[in-house]
């Protein structure tokens, strides 16, 4: 598979995901009350769920990045003779 075909596959998958998100948003327009700590408000259910999904993904990304940095620092501290050959 060359780069162009991989890009086309990614584009098609992205379009399907976008269509699924649009259907989800259009089917979940009911207003709900959301309260988090001191914040309170009313917004569509789909927006609240998508916001929660994005915040969860960002938190997972932050934890993964912290772990990668932790492993890189540990690898740098290891003596050169203990490191595996490429």
N, C-alpha and C. Protein backbone atom coordinates (compact mmCIF):
# COMPACT_ATOMS: atom_id res chain seq x y z
N UNK A 1 0.86 -1.17 0.00
CA UNK A 1 0.00 0.00 0.00
C UNK A 1 0.91 1.23 0.00
N UNK A 2 0.71 2.10 -0.98
CA UNK A 2 1.53 3.30 -1.04
C UNK A 2 0.90 4.43 -0.23
N UNK A 3 1.55 5.57 -0.21
CA UNK A 3 1.07 6.68 0.61
C UNK A 3 -0.28 7.21 0.16
N UNK A 4 -0.50 7.27 -1.14
CA UNK A 4 -1.75 7.80 -1.65
C UNK A 4 -2.93 6.91 -1.26
N UNK A 5 -2.77 5.61 -1.41
CA UNK A 5 -3.87 4.72 -1.05
C UNK A 5 -4.11 4.73 0.47
N UNK A 6 -3.04 4.84 1.25
CA UNK A 6 -3.21 4.93 2.71
C UNK A 6 -3.95 6.22 3.08
N UNK A 7 -3.63 7.30 2.39
CA UNK A 7 -4.32 8.57 2.64
C UNK A 7 -5.80 8.48 2.26
N UNK A 8 -6.09 7.81 1.16
CA UNK A 8 -7.48 7.66 0.74
C UNK A 8 -8.26 6.79 1.72
N UNK A 9 -7.65 5.74 2.21
CA UNK A 9 -8.31 4.89 3.21
C UNK A 9 -8.58 5.70 4.48
N UNK A 10 -7.60 6.49 4.92
CA UNK A 10 -7.79 7.32 6.11
C UNK A 10 -8.88 8.35 5.87
N UNK A 11 -8.95 8.92 4.69
CA UNK A 11 -9.98 9.90 4.36
C UNK A 11 -11.37 9.27 4.40
N UNK A 12 -11.52 8.09 3.83
CA UNK A 12 -12.82 7.40 3.82
C UNK A 12 -13.24 7.04 5.24
N UNK A 13 -12.31 6.54 6.04
CA UNK A 13 -12.63 6.21 7.43
C UNK A 13 -13.03 7.48 8.19
N UNK A 14 -12.30 8.57 7.96
CA UNK A 14 -12.64 9.84 8.60
C UNK A 14 -14.01 10.34 8.21
N UNK A 15 -14.39 10.17 6.94
CA UNK A 15 -15.72 10.59 6.50
C UNK A 15 -16.81 9.76 7.16
N UNK A 16 -16.58 8.46 7.32
CA UNK A 16 -17.56 7.61 8.00
C UNK A 16 -17.71 8.01 9.47
N UNK A 17 -16.59 8.30 10.12
CA UNK A 17 -16.65 8.73 11.52
C UNK A 17 -17.38 10.06 11.62
N UNK A 18 -17.10 10.99 10.71
CA UNK A 18 -17.78 12.28 10.71
C UNK A 18 -19.29 12.10 10.51
N UNK A 19 -19.68 11.23 9.59
CA UNK A 19 -21.10 10.98 9.35
C UNK A 19 -21.76 10.40 10.60
N UNK A 20 -21.06 9.47 11.27
CA UNK A 20 -21.61 8.87 12.49
C UNK A 20 -21.77 9.92 13.59
N UNK A 21 -20.81 10.81 13.72
CA UNK A 21 -20.90 11.87 14.74
C UNK A 21 -22.05 12.81 14.41
N UNK A 22 -22.21 13.16 13.15
CA UNK A 22 -23.32 14.04 12.76
C UNK A 22 -24.67 13.40 13.05
N UNK A 23 -24.82 12.12 12.76
CA UNK A 23 -26.07 11.42 13.07
C UNK A 23 -26.30 11.42 14.57
N UNK A 24 -25.25 11.16 15.34
CA UNK A 24 -25.36 11.16 16.80
C UNK A 24 -25.81 12.52 17.31
N UNK A 25 -25.21 13.59 16.81
CA UNK A 25 -25.57 14.94 17.26
C UNK A 25 -27.00 15.27 16.88
N UNK A 26 -27.41 14.93 15.68
CA UNK A 26 -28.76 15.25 15.23
C UNK A 26 -29.83 14.46 15.98
N UNK A 27 -29.49 13.27 16.47
CA UNK A 27 -30.47 12.46 17.18
C UNK A 27 -30.51 12.75 18.68
N UNK A 28 -29.59 13.54 19.19
CA UNK A 28 -29.52 13.81 20.62
C UNK A 28 -29.55 15.32 20.89
N UNK A 29 -30.64 15.95 20.51
CA UNK A 29 -30.78 17.40 20.66
C UNK A 29 -31.48 17.82 21.94
N UNK A 30 -31.91 16.88 22.75
CA UNK A 30 -32.62 17.22 23.98
C UNK A 30 -31.69 17.98 24.93
N UNK A 31 -32.22 19.01 25.58
CA UNK A 31 -31.44 19.81 26.52
C UNK A 31 -31.31 19.09 27.86
N UNK A 32 -30.12 19.09 28.41
CA UNK A 32 -29.89 18.50 29.72
C UNK A 32 -29.16 19.51 30.59
N UNK A 33 -29.35 19.38 31.90
CA UNK A 33 -28.63 20.25 32.82
C UNK A 33 -27.35 19.55 33.24
N UNK A 34 -26.26 20.27 33.12
CA UNK A 34 -24.94 19.72 33.45
C UNK A 34 -24.35 20.56 34.57
N UNK A 35 -23.84 19.89 35.60
CA UNK A 35 -23.15 20.60 36.67
C UNK A 35 -21.85 19.87 36.96
N UNK A 36 -20.79 20.64 37.02
CA UNK A 36 -19.46 20.10 37.30
C UNK A 36 -18.75 21.08 38.22
N UNK A 37 -18.46 20.62 39.42
CA UNK A 37 -17.87 21.46 40.46
C UNK A 37 -18.73 22.70 40.66
N UNK A 38 -18.24 23.88 40.30
CA UNK A 38 -19.04 25.10 40.48
C UNK A 38 -19.73 25.54 39.20
N UNK A 39 -19.50 24.83 38.10
CA UNK A 39 -20.08 25.19 36.81
C UNK A 39 -21.43 24.51 36.64
N UNK A 40 -22.38 25.23 36.11
CA UNK A 40 -23.72 24.70 35.92
C UNK A 40 -24.29 25.31 34.65
N UNK A 41 -24.99 24.50 33.85
CA UNK A 41 -25.59 25.03 32.64
C UNK A 41 -26.45 24.01 31.94
N UNK A 42 -27.11 24.46 30.89
CA UNK A 42 -27.96 23.59 30.07
C UNK A 42 -27.40 23.58 28.66
N UNK A 43 -27.28 22.40 28.09
CA UNK A 43 -26.83 22.26 26.72
C UNK A 43 -27.35 20.96 26.15
N UNK A 44 -27.28 20.81 24.82
CA UNK A 44 -27.76 19.56 24.21
C UNK A 44 -26.97 18.35 24.70
N UNK A 45 -27.66 17.23 24.81
CA UNK A 45 -27.04 16.00 25.31
C UNK A 45 -25.82 15.62 24.48
N UNK A 46 -25.92 15.73 23.16
CA UNK A 46 -24.81 15.34 22.29
C UNK A 46 -23.58 16.19 22.57
N UNK A 47 -23.78 17.47 22.78
CA UNK A 47 -22.64 18.35 23.05
C UNK A 47 -22.00 17.98 24.38
N UNK A 48 -22.80 17.69 25.38
CA UNK A 48 -22.26 17.30 26.68
C UNK A 48 -21.46 16.00 26.57
N UNK A 49 -22.00 15.02 25.84
CA UNK A 49 -21.30 13.75 25.70
C UNK A 49 -20.03 13.90 24.87
N UNK A 50 -20.08 14.68 23.81
CA UNK A 50 -18.88 14.90 23.00
C UNK A 50 -17.82 15.65 23.80
N UNK A 51 -18.23 16.61 24.61
CA UNK A 51 -17.29 17.33 25.47
C UNK A 51 -16.64 16.36 26.46
N UNK A 52 -17.42 15.49 27.06
CA UNK A 52 -16.87 14.51 28.01
C UNK A 52 -15.90 13.57 27.30
N UNK A 53 -16.22 13.16 26.08
CA UNK A 53 -15.34 12.28 25.30
C UNK A 53 -14.01 12.98 25.01
N UNK A 54 -14.08 14.23 24.57
CA UNK A 54 -12.86 14.98 24.23
C UNK A 54 -12.00 15.19 25.48
N UNK A 55 -12.63 15.54 26.59
CA UNK A 55 -11.87 15.74 27.83
C UNK A 55 -11.22 14.43 28.29
N UNK A 56 -11.93 13.32 28.16
CA UNK A 56 -11.34 12.02 28.51
C UNK A 56 -10.18 11.66 27.61
N UNK A 57 -10.31 11.94 26.32
CA UNK A 57 -9.22 11.66 25.39
C UNK A 57 -8.00 12.52 25.70
N UNK A 58 -8.22 13.79 26.04
CA UNK A 58 -7.11 14.67 26.38
C UNK A 58 -6.42 14.21 27.67
N UNK A 59 -7.20 13.74 28.63
CA UNK A 59 -6.59 13.24 29.86
C UNK A 59 -5.77 11.98 29.58
N UNK A 60 -6.29 11.08 28.76
CA UNK A 60 -5.54 9.87 28.41
C UNK A 60 -4.26 10.23 27.66
N UNK A 61 -4.34 11.21 26.77
CA UNK A 61 -3.16 11.66 26.03
C UNK A 61 -2.12 12.25 26.98
N UNK A 62 -2.57 13.02 27.97
CA UNK A 62 -1.64 13.61 28.94
C UNK A 62 -0.94 12.53 29.76
N UNK A 63 -1.70 11.51 30.21
CA UNK A 63 -1.08 10.43 30.97
C UNK A 63 -0.12 9.63 30.12
N UNK A 64 -0.47 9.38 28.87
CA UNK A 64 0.41 8.63 27.97
C UNK A 64 1.69 9.42 27.70
N UNK A 65 1.56 10.72 27.48
CA UNK A 65 2.74 11.55 27.24
C UNK A 65 3.65 11.57 28.46
N UNK A 66 3.06 11.66 29.65
CA UNK A 66 3.85 11.64 30.88
C UNK A 66 4.60 10.32 31.02
N UNK A 67 3.95 9.23 30.69
CA UNK A 67 4.60 7.92 30.79
C UNK A 67 5.73 7.79 29.78
N UNK A 68 5.53 8.28 28.57
CA UNK A 68 6.58 8.22 27.55
C UNK A 68 7.78 9.04 27.99
N UNK A 69 7.54 10.23 28.53
CA UNK A 69 8.64 11.06 29.01
C UNK A 69 9.36 10.35 30.15
N UNK A 70 8.60 9.73 31.04
CA UNK A 70 9.20 9.00 32.16
C UNK A 70 10.10 7.87 31.65
N UNK A 71 9.66 7.13 30.65
CA UNK A 71 10.46 6.04 30.10
C UNK A 71 11.69 6.55 29.38
N UNK A 72 11.58 7.68 28.67
CA UNK A 72 12.74 8.24 27.98
C UNK A 72 13.79 8.71 28.98
N UNK A 73 13.36 9.34 30.05
CA UNK A 73 14.31 9.79 31.08
C UNK A 73 15.00 8.58 31.70
N UNK A 74 14.26 7.54 31.97
CA UNK A 74 14.86 6.32 32.55
C UNK A 74 15.84 5.69 31.57
N UNK A 75 15.53 5.71 30.28
CA UNK A 75 16.43 5.13 29.28
C UNK A 75 17.71 5.94 29.16
N UNK A 76 17.62 7.25 29.30
CA UNK A 76 18.82 8.10 29.22
C UNK A 76 19.73 7.89 30.43
N UNK A 77 19.14 7.58 31.56
CA UNK A 77 19.93 7.40 32.78
C UNK A 77 20.64 6.06 32.83
N UNK A 78 20.20 5.12 32.00
CA UNK A 78 20.83 3.81 31.98
C UNK A 78 22.22 3.92 31.36
N UNK A 79 23.21 3.19 31.87
CA UNK A 79 24.55 3.23 31.26
C UNK A 79 24.50 2.74 29.81
N UNK A 80 25.43 3.22 29.00
CA UNK A 80 25.44 2.90 27.57
C UNK A 80 25.60 1.41 27.33
N UNK A 81 26.42 0.73 28.14
CA UNK A 81 26.66 -0.71 27.91
C UNK A 81 25.42 -1.57 28.19
N UNK A 82 24.46 -1.05 28.95
CA UNK A 82 23.24 -1.81 29.23
C UNK A 82 22.17 -1.62 28.19
N UNK A 83 22.33 -0.67 27.29
CA UNK A 83 21.31 -0.38 26.28
C UNK A 83 21.35 -1.43 25.18
N UNK A 84 20.19 -1.83 24.66
CA UNK A 84 20.17 -2.80 23.56
C UNK A 84 20.68 -2.17 22.27
N UNK A 85 21.27 -3.00 21.42
CA UNK A 85 21.75 -2.51 20.13
C UNK A 85 20.58 -2.32 19.18
N UNK A 86 20.68 -1.31 18.30
CA UNK A 86 19.56 -1.09 17.34
C UNK A 86 19.47 -2.14 16.28
